[in-house]
Amino acid sequence: MSEQTQVQTTVQTTVQTKVQTKMASKMQYAVYPSLAGKNVVVTGGGSGIGAEMVRAFALQGARVFFLDIAEAPARQLEQELSGSSPAPAFIHCDLTDHGALDAAFAGIAQAHGAVDVLINNAANDDRHQLGDVTPAYWDQRMAVNLRHQFFCAQAVAKGMQAKGGGVILNLGSISWHLALPNLTLYMTAKAAIEGLTRGLARDLGPSGIRVNCVIPGAVRTPRQTELWHTPDEEAKILSEQCLKERVEVEDVAALVLFLSSDNAARCTGRDYFVDAGWYGV
């Protein structure tokens, strides 16, 4: 057995033990040795889908940095995972502030080197009525849901190019594919993200950088359950899905891990749905 194979086997055994210990009641994530030691950034990683992705990458032995504006849940997650090796690090950052965004990524690069994997996850799906939208609200919604995805990609691209490769995953949404009500600005941003993904994949592909879009369906998160997914709404969602099971945060994280790993080495410029086949009415 070669030294490299021995190292990979050791990493796989160690990570699988962590998975079995910490995730016994949840999904058993596949182990991707190529993710061990990678610098991974997750935006909006303090709660919901983002928090589960932080946990999932930490279990793979990656060095995870998660950016969020919500201090309390992010600090709680950081404490929860403090025993991981390496332990994920929370960076407070308002992604709508371009200067703060640049400073956060510059700090990561200076202290730890180039980012290997960027997960553009941060978003906010506030509902709104057409007549209530002002130019200022439009600009703010685009800043929250779209603009930072481009500038985060820009911030990591140079380092990835110098390394000869990297992965950028943009989080889209099933919403605009279904034309859901009272989400016009959110759906506008999320539709644009699929175009952004294709453009980045084409421009960065010659440098070995893969760019894909992950499109979750109706994911059961605390926020969605509290604000939108009433028992009646949940029943409606299930009735319109091919699979009669709710999509969980672990389902999204599992797909993200695969697309971030070397096992997805020929996957780029595409949209990957994890929505239980939700086609709507």
Foldseek 3Di string as FASTA:
>chain_A
DDPVVVVLVVLQVQLQVVQCVVVVVHDRFHAFQQLAAAEEEFEPLLFFLNVVLLVVSLSNNYAYEYEDQDPVSNVVSQVVQVPGVVGHHYDYADLLPLVRLLVVLVVCCVVPNAHAEYEADFADQDFADPVPDDPVNLVVRCSRQADSLVVNCVSRLVRQLVVLEHEYEYEAECCLVQVDPRRVSNNVRRVVVLVVQLVCCVVRVVSHYAGEYEYEYQEDTPVCDVPPCDVVNLVLQLVQAPHNDHHYSVQSSSVVVCCRHCVVSPDHSYYHYDYNRRNHD
